[in-house]
Amino acid sequence: MAVARINPGLVPLAWVDNRAVYFLASKVGTEMTTAQRREKSGEQSAVPCPGIAAEYQRYMGGVDRHDQLRLQSYSMQLAARFPKYYKSLFIGLVHMAVVNAYIVHSHMWEKQRMKKLSHNVFLARLHKQLIRQTETAFTQTTGASPATTVVPEQGVPVHGGYALVQTADTRVNNGVQRLRQRQCKVCTCYKPEGKRRGGH
């Protein structure tokens, strides 16, 4: 354990359990206490540890679970790479809002004693609901300024259904010309069951 001279309230600490664990925190006690650990046999055992490790184990479970849902299960933030960092940050904030919505959904359904949806099913339903939104859902009239109509890009229908269109783009792979395959979350939702991914 070490204490910063410039800021005595900042404590860097190394604790060796199965491997070295490093902490950097403030306003946390460094006195020794115990934490519960599950052994390979499934039994719980008390392990001596510094107070900062016990505080982390007590309060950080929800944050770790949130990161698992956001980064490991159909992560929008990891699905694409952007040269500008703020674009990836924006996608991360959107996905964080989606994870929070799933947490609220799970809490409310358990409170009503109903079987909650799995994370994957919840995402699929949310995607379909967002795809069905039309221009009128995003147009708001206020007294200060008149409503403006957004002109959609050519080829993207604002009203009506969604149709899969086979593209004619090709690529050369090992001397063989093949159809270019693209990944699209919208096409994934509307893809017929049993159909393999194609160049749509």
C-alpha atoms as a PDB file:
ATOM      1  CA  MET A   1       0.000   0.000   0.000  1.00  0.00           C
ATOM      2  CA  ALA A   2       1.152   3.535  -0.752  1.00  0.00           C
ATOM      3  CA  VAL A   3      -0.186   6.997   0.021  1.00  0.00           C
ATOM      4  CA  ALA A   4       0.244   9.941  -2.365  1.00  0.00           C
ATOM      5  CA  ARG A   5       2.160  12.799  -0.738  1.00  0.00           C
ATOM      6  CA  ILE A   6       0.461  15.525  -2.780  1.00  0.00           C
ATOM      7  CA  ASN A   7      -3.003  14.051  -2.176  1.00  0.00           C
ATOM      8  CA  PRO A   8      -3.045  11.938   1.012  1.00  0.00           C
ATOM      9  CA  GLY A   9      -6.650  10.927   0.336  1.00  0.00           C
ATOM     10  CA  LEU A  10      -5.602   8.990  -2.792  1.00  0.00           C
ATOM     11  CA  VAL A  11      -4.573   5.419  -1.997  1.00  0.00           C
ATOM     12  CA  PRO A  12      -3.001   3.023  -4.545  1.00  0.00           C
ATOM     13  CA  LEU A  13      -3.098  -0.537  -3.263  1.00  0.00           C
ATOM     14  CA  ALA A  14      -1.996  -3.966  -4.484  1.00  0.00           C
ATOM     15  CA  TRP A  15      -3.626  -7.083  -3.041  1.00  0.00           C
ATOM     16  CA  VAL A  16      -2.521 -10.598  -3.964  1.00  0.00           C
ATOM     17  CA  ASP A  17      -5.285 -13.199  -4.061  1.00  0.00           C
ATOM     18  CA  ASN A  18      -5.009 -15.796  -6.829  1.00  0.00           C
ATOM     19  CA  ARG A  19      -3.176 -13.060  -8.724  1.00  0.00           C
ATOM     20  CA  ALA A  20      -2.249  -9.433  -8.098  1.00  0.00           C
ATOM     21  CA  VAL A  21      -5.213  -7.037  -7.970  1.00  0.00           C
ATOM     22  CA  TYR A  22      -4.533  -3.303  -8.116  1.00  0.00           C
ATOM     23  CA  PHE A  23      -6.793  -0.571  -6.706  1.00  0.00           C
ATOM     24  CA  LEU A  24      -6.701   3.205  -6.884  1.00  0.00           C
ATOM     25  CA  ALA A  25      -9.346   4.906  -4.774  1.00  0.00           C
ATOM     26  CA  SER A  26     -10.070   7.727  -2.367  1.00  0.00           C
ATOM     27  CA  LYS A  27     -12.018   7.915   0.895  1.00  0.00           C
ATOM     28  CA  VAL A  28     -11.860   4.138   1.347  1.00  0.00           C
ATOM     29  CA  GLY A  29     -10.501   2.403   4.417  1.00  0.00           C
ATOM     30  CA  THR A  30      -7.450   0.170   4.084  1.00  0.00           C
ATOM     31  CA  GLU A  31      -8.041  -1.863   7.251  1.00  0.00           C
ATOM     32  CA  MET A  32      -8.241  -5.627   6.804  1.00  0.00           C
ATOM     33  CA  THR A  33     -11.626  -7.320   6.650  1.00  0.00           C
ATOM     34  CA  THR A  34     -13.109 -10.409   4.992  1.00  0.00           C
ATOM     35  CA  ALA A  35     -14.981 -11.084   1.740  1.00  0.00           C
ATOM     36  CA  GLN A  36     -16.989 -14.096   0.590  1.00  0.00           C
ATOM     37  CA  ARG A  37     -15.528 -16.206  -2.204  1.00  0.00           C
ATOM     38  CA  ARG A  38     -17.047 -19.231  -3.929  1.00  0.00           C
ATOM     39  CA  GLU A  39     -14.682 -22.196  -4.068  1.00  0.00           C
ATOM     40  CA  LYS A  40     -14.554 -24.760  -6.885  1.00  0.00           C
ATOM     41  CA  SER A  41     -16.644 -27.106  -4.751  1.00  0.00           C
ATOM     42  CA  GLY A  42     -19.420 -24.494  -4.672  1.00  0.00           C
ATOM     43  CA  GLU A  43     -19.017 -23.651  -0.985  1.00  0.00           C
ATOM     44  CA  GLN A  44     -18.618 -20.098   0.307  1.00  0.00           C
ATOM     45  CA  SER A  45     -15.484 -19.213   2.265  1.00  0.00           C
ATOM     46  CA  ALA A  46     -14.323 -16.056   4.043  1.00  0.00           C
ATOM     47  CA  VAL A  47     -11.128 -14.598   2.577  1.00  0.00           C
ATOM     48  CA  PRO A  48      -9.102 -11.872   4.333  1.00  0.00           C
ATOM     49  CA  CYS A  49      -8.823  -8.759   2.182  1.00  0.00           C
ATOM     50  CA  PRO A  50      -8.414  -4.984   2.545  1.00  0.00           C
ATOM     51  CA  GLY A  51     -11.534  -2.895   3.047  1.00  0.00           C
ATOM     52  CA  ILE A  52     -11.302  -1.432  -0.454  1.00  0.00           C
ATOM     53  CA  ALA A  53     -11.640  -4.927  -1.992  1.00  0.00           C
ATOM     54  CA  ALA A  54     -14.733  -5.652   0.108  1.00  0.00           C
ATOM     55  CA  GLU A  55     -16.297  -2.324  -0.957  1.00  0.00           C
ATOM     56  CA  TYR A  56     -15.641  -3.115  -4.618  1.00  0.00           C
ATOM     57  CA  GLN A  57     -17.197  -6.569  -4.322  1.00  0.00           C
ATOM     58  CA  ARG A  58     -20.258  -5.141  -2.536  1.00  0.00           C
ATOM     59  CA  TYR A  59     -21.111  -2.315  -4.940  1.00  0.00           C
ATOM     60  CA  MET A  60     -19.575  -3.063  -8.351  1.00  0.00           C
ATOM     61  CA  GLY A  61     -21.594  -6.144  -9.288  1.00  0.00           C
ATOM     62  CA  GLY A  62     -24.264  -4.080 -11.058  1.00  0.00           C
ATOM     63  CA  VAL A  63     -21.691  -2.084 -13.024  1.00  0.00           C
ATOM     64  CA  ASP A  64     -19.926  -5.251 -14.174  1.00  0.00           C
ATOM     65  CA  ARG A  65     -23.254  -6.799 -15.238  1.00  0.00           C
ATOM     66  CA  HIS A  66     -24.154  -3.619 -17.112  1.00  0.00           C
ATOM     67  CA  ASP A  67     -20.856  -3.751 -19.006  1.00  0.00           C
ATOM     68  CA  GLN A  68     -21.468  -7.413 -19.881  1.00  0.00           C
ATOM     69  CA  LEU A  69     -24.851  -6.590 -21.399  1.00  0.00           C
ATOM     70  CA  ARG A  70     -23.486  -3.541 -23.214  1.00  0.00           C
ATOM     71  CA  LEU A  71     -20.200  -4.907 -24.569  1.00  0.00           C
ATOM     72  CA  GLN A  72     -20.616  -8.683 -24.862  1.00  0.00           C
ATOM     73  CA  SER A  73     -24.211  -9.218 -26.028  1.00  0.00           C
ATOM     74  CA  TYR A  74     -24.821  -7.848 -29.533  1.00  0.00           C
ATOM     75  CA  SER A  75     -22.749  -4.735 -28.873  1.00  0.00           C
ATOM     76  CA  MET A  76     -23.592  -1.850 -31.201  1.00  0.00           C
ATOM     77  CA  GLN A  77     -20.465  -0.033 -30.041  1.00  0.00           C
ATOM     78  CA  LEU A  78     -18.189  -2.902 -31.102  1.00  0.00           C
ATOM     79  CA  ALA A  79     -20.063  -3.634 -34.351  1.00  0.00           C
ATOM     80  CA  ALA A  80     -18.462  -0.697 -36.174  1.00  0.00           C
ATOM     81  CA  ARG A  81     -15.289   1.354 -35.991  1.00  0.00           C
ATOM     82  CA  PHE A  82     -15.196   5.100 -36.560  1.00  0.00           C
ATOM     83  CA  PRO A  83     -12.152   7.332 -37.117  1.00  0.00           C
ATOM     84  CA  LYS A  84     -13.768   9.972 -34.889  1.00  0.00           C
ATOM     85  CA  TYR A  85     -13.901   8.935 -31.242  1.00  0.00           C
ATOM     86  CA  TYR A  86     -17.080  10.874 -30.479  1.00  0.00           C
ATOM     87  CA  LYS A  87     -19.100   8.752 -32.923  1.00  0.00           C
ATOM     88  CA  SER A  88     -18.193   5.573 -31.051  1.00  0.00           C
ATOM     89  CA  LEU A  89     -18.927   7.395 -27.790  1.00  0.00           C
ATOM     90  CA  PHE A  90     -22.384   8.369 -29.072  1.00  0.00           C
ATOM     91  CA  ILE A  91     -23.159   4.767 -30.059  1.00  0.00           C
ATOM     92  CA  GLY A  92     -22.007   3.683 -26.604  1.00  0.00           C
ATOM     93  CA  LEU A  93     -24.404   6.139 -24.952  1.00  0.00           C
ATOM     94  CA  VAL A  94     -27.276   4.899 -27.132  1.00  0.00           C
ATOM     95  CA  HIS A  95     -26.492   1.291 -26.244  1.00  0.00           C
ATOM     96  CA  MET A  96     -26.265   2.263 -22.571  1.00  0.00           C
ATOM     97  CA  ALA A  97     -29.803   3.657 -22.826  1.00  0.00           C
ATOM     98  CA  VAL A  98     -30.951   0.384 -24.436  1.00  0.00           C
ATOM     99  CA  VAL A  99     -29.401  -1.644 -21.596  1.00  0.00           C
ATOM    100  CA  ASN A 100     -31.069   0.616 -19.027  1.00  0.00           C
ATOM    101  CA  ALA A 101     -34.400   0.069 -20.803  1.00  0.00           C
ATOM    102  CA  TYR A 102     -33.904  -3.709 -20.558  1.00  0.00           C
ATOM    103  CA  ILE A 103     -33.104  -3.411 -16.837  1.00  0.00           C
ATOM    104  CA  VAL A 104     -36.320  -1.433 -16.264  1.00  0.00           C
ATOM    105  CA  HIS A 105     -38.257  -3.993 -18.340  1.00  0.00           C
ATOM    106  CA  SER A 106     -36.868  -6.876 -16.270  1.00  0.00           C
ATOM    107  CA  HIS A 107     -37.629  -5.114 -12.987  1.00  0.00           C
ATOM    108  CA  MET A 108     -41.217  -4.260 -13.933  1.00  0.00           C
ATOM    109  CA  TRP A 109     -42.041  -7.710 -15.310  1.00  0.00           C
ATOM    110  CA  GLU A 110     -40.609  -9.434 -12.221  1.00  0.00           C
ATOM    111  CA  LYS A 111     -42.592  -7.027 -10.035  1.00  0.00           C
ATOM    112  CA  GLN A 112     -45.773  -8.038 -11.879  1.00  0.00           C
ATOM    113  CA  ARG A 113     -44.745 -11.705 -11.570  1.00  0.00           C
ATOM    114  CA  MET A 114     -44.488 -12.120 -15.310  1.00  0.00           C
ATOM    115  CA  LYS A 115     -41.761 -13.980 -17.161  1.00  0.00           C
ATOM    116  CA  LYS A 116     -39.333 -11.394 -18.484  1.00  0.00           C
ATOM    117  CA  LEU A 117     -37.971 -11.484 -22.018  1.00  0.00           C
ATOM    118  CA  SER A 118     -34.425 -12.595 -22.638  1.00  0.00           C
ATOM    119  CA  HIS A 119     -31.942  -9.920 -23.630  1.00  0.00           C
ATOM    120  CA  ASN A 120     -31.836 -11.146 -27.248  1.00  0.00           C
ATOM    121  CA  VAL A 121     -35.632 -11.244 -27.623  1.00  0.00           C
ATOM    122  CA  PHE A 122     -35.921  -7.786 -26.053  1.00  0.00           C
ATOM    123  CA  LEU A 123     -33.397  -6.351 -28.541  1.00  0.00           C
ATOM    124  CA  ALA A 124     -35.178  -7.970 -31.508  1.00  0.00           C
ATOM    125  CA  ARG A 125     -38.553  -6.523 -30.463  1.00  0.00           C
ATOM    126  CA  LEU A 126     -37.042  -3.104 -29.830  1.00  0.00           C
ATOM    127  CA  HIS A 127     -35.386  -3.078 -33.273  1.00  0.00           C
ATOM    128  CA  LYS A 128     -38.662  -3.977 -34.991  1.00  0.00           C
ATOM    129  CA  GLN A 129     -40.567  -1.279 -33.084  1.00  0.00           C
ATOM    130  CA  LEU A 130     -37.990   1.358 -34.029  1.00  0.00           C
ATOM    131  CA  ILE A 131     -38.026   0.265 -37.688  1.00  0.00           C
ATOM    132  CA  ARG A 132     -41.823   0.693 -37.813  1.00  0.00           C
ATOM    133  CA  GLN A 133     -41.557   4.341 -36.745  1.00  0.00           C
ATOM    134  CA  THR A 134     -42.555   6.880 -39.415  1.00  0.00           C
ATOM    135  CA  GLU A 135     -41.711  10.505 -40.033  1.00  0.00           C
ATOM    136  CA  THR A 136     -44.752  11.692 -38.067  1.00  0.00           C
ATOM    137  CA  ALA A 137     -43.340  10.132 -34.899  1.00  0.00           C
ATOM    138  CA  PHE A 138     -40.361  12.503 -35.058  1.00  0.00           C
ATOM    139  CA  THR A 139     -42.142  15.682 -36.205  1.00  0.00           C
ATOM    140  CA  GLN A 140     -43.221  18.041 -33.446  1.00  0.00           C
ATOM    141  CA  THR A 141     -45.101  21.315 -33.886  1.00  0.00           C
ATOM    142  CA  THR A 142     -44.356  24.136 -31.452  1.00  0.00           C
ATOM    143  CA  GLY A 143     -45.622  27.690 -31.182  1.00  0.00           C
ATOM    144  CA  ALA A 144     -42.154  29.144 -31.585  1.00  0.00           C
ATOM    145  CA  SER A 145     -41.267  27.533 -34.894  1.00  0.00           C
ATOM    146  CA  PRO A 146     -43.301  25.765 -37.602  1.00  0.00           C
ATOM    147  CA  ALA A 147     -42.851  22.080 -38.174  1.00  0.00           C
ATOM    148  CA  THR A 148     -40.334  21.191 -40.845  1.00  0.00           C
ATOM    149  CA  THR A 149     -40.634  18.185 -43.086  1.00  0.00           C
ATOM    150  CA  VAL A 150     -37.523  16.065 -43.396  1.00  0.00           C
ATOM    151  CA  VAL A 151     -36.892  14.996 -46.977  1.00  0.00           C
ATOM    152  CA  PRO A 152     -35.716  11.375 -46.957  1.00  0.00           C
ATOM    153  CA  GLU A 153     -32.794  10.231 -49.032  1.00  0.00           C
ATOM    154  CA  GLN A 154     -33.650   8.715 -52.375  1.00  0.00           C
ATOM    155  CA  GLY A 155     -34.273   4.994 -52.191  1.00  0.00           C
ATOM    156  CA  VAL A 156     -35.133   4.961 -48.456  1.00  0.00           C
ATOM    157  CA  PRO A 157     -38.918   4.736 -47.949  1.00  0.00           C
ATOM    158  CA  VAL A 158     -40.264   6.753 -45.040  1.00  0.00           C
ATOM    159  CA  HIS A 159     -43.757   5.221 -45.199  1.00  0.00           C
ATOM    160  CA  GLY A 160     -44.664   1.646 -45.986  1.00  0.00           C
ATOM    161  CA  GLY A 161     -42.932  -1.659 -45.428  1.00  0.00           C
ATOM    162  CA  TYR A 162     -39.343  -2.768 -45.640  1.00  0.00           C
ATOM    163  CA  ALA A 163     -38.132  -4.925 -48.509  1.00  0.00           C
ATOM    164  CA  LEU A 164     -34.913  -6.869 -48.940  1.00  0.00           C
ATOM    165  CA  VAL A 165     -33.087  -5.900 -52.127  1.00  0.00           C
ATOM    166  CA  GLN A 166     -30.337  -8.020 -53.654  1.00  0.00           C
ATOM    167  CA  THR A 167     -27.334  -5.865 -54.491  1.00  0.00           C
ATOM    168  CA  ALA A 168     -25.252  -6.282 -57.625  1.00  0.00           C
ATOM    169  CA  ASP A 169     -21.944  -5.345 -55.969  1.00  0.00           C
ATOM    170  CA  THR A 170     -19.244  -7.954 -56.435  1.00  0.00           C
ATOM    171  CA  ARG A 171     -15.767  -8.608 -55.136  1.00  0.00           C
ATOM    172  CA  VAL A 172     -12.884 -10.799 -56.240  1.00  0.00           C
ATOM    173  CA  ASN A 173     -11.851 -13.520 -53.798  1.00  0.00           C
ATOM    174  CA  ASN A 174      -8.966 -15.811 -54.794  1.00  0.00           C
ATOM    175  CA  GLY A 175      -9.583 -15.025 -58.441  1.00  0.00           C
ATOM    176  CA  VAL A 176     -13.328 -15.781 -58.197  1.00  0.00           C
ATOM    177  CA  GLN A 177     -15.912 -13.027 -58.523  1.00  0.00           C
ATOM    178  CA  ARG A 178     -18.491 -13.234 -55.727  1.00  0.00           C
ATOM    179  CA  LEU A 179     -21.414 -11.158 -54.500  1.00  0.00           C
ATOM    180  CA  ARG A 180     -20.460  -8.703 -51.793  1.00  0.00           C
ATOM    181  CA  GLN A 181     -22.068  -9.542 -48.434  1.00  0.00           C
ATOM    182  CA  ARG A 182     -23.025  -6.787 -46.021  1.00  0.00           C
ATOM    183  CA  GLN A 183     -24.217  -6.905 -42.439  1.00  0.00           C
ATOM    184  CA  CYS A 184     -27.385  -4.960 -41.664  1.00  0.00           C
ATOM    185  CA  LYS A 185     -29.331  -5.071 -38.395  1.00  0.00           C
ATOM    186  CA  VAL A 186     -32.558  -4.214 -40.241  1.00  0.00           C
ATOM    187  CA  CYS A 187     -32.082  -7.026 -42.760  1.00  0.00           C
ATOM    188  CA  THR A 188     -31.317  -9.418 -39.897  1.00  0.00           C
ATOM    189  CA  CYS A 189     -34.704  -8.671 -38.297  1.00  0.00           C
ATOM    190  CA  TYR A 190     -36.625  -9.114 -41.561  1.00  0.00           C
ATOM    191  CA  LYS A 191     -34.629 -12.062 -42.908  1.00  0.00           C
ATOM    192  CA  PRO A 192     -36.824 -15.139 -43.480  1.00  0.00           C
ATOM    193  CA  GLU A 193     -36.170 -17.978 -41.079  1.00  0.00           C
ATOM    194  CA  GLY A 194     -33.757 -20.577 -42.376  1.00  0.00           C
ATOM    195  CA  LYS A 195     -32.279 -18.259 -45.022  1.00  0.00           C
ATOM    196  CA  ARG A 196     -28.521 -17.880 -45.012  1.00  0.00           C
ATOM    197  CA  ARG A 197     -26.907 -14.481 -45.099  1.00  0.00           C
ATOM    198  CA  GLY A 198     -26.743 -13.134 -48.620  1.00  0.00           C
ATOM    199  CA  GLY A 199     -25.586 -10.023 -50.438  1.00  0.00           C
ATOM    200  CA  HIS A 200     -28.581  -7.887 -49.486  1.00  0.00           C
END
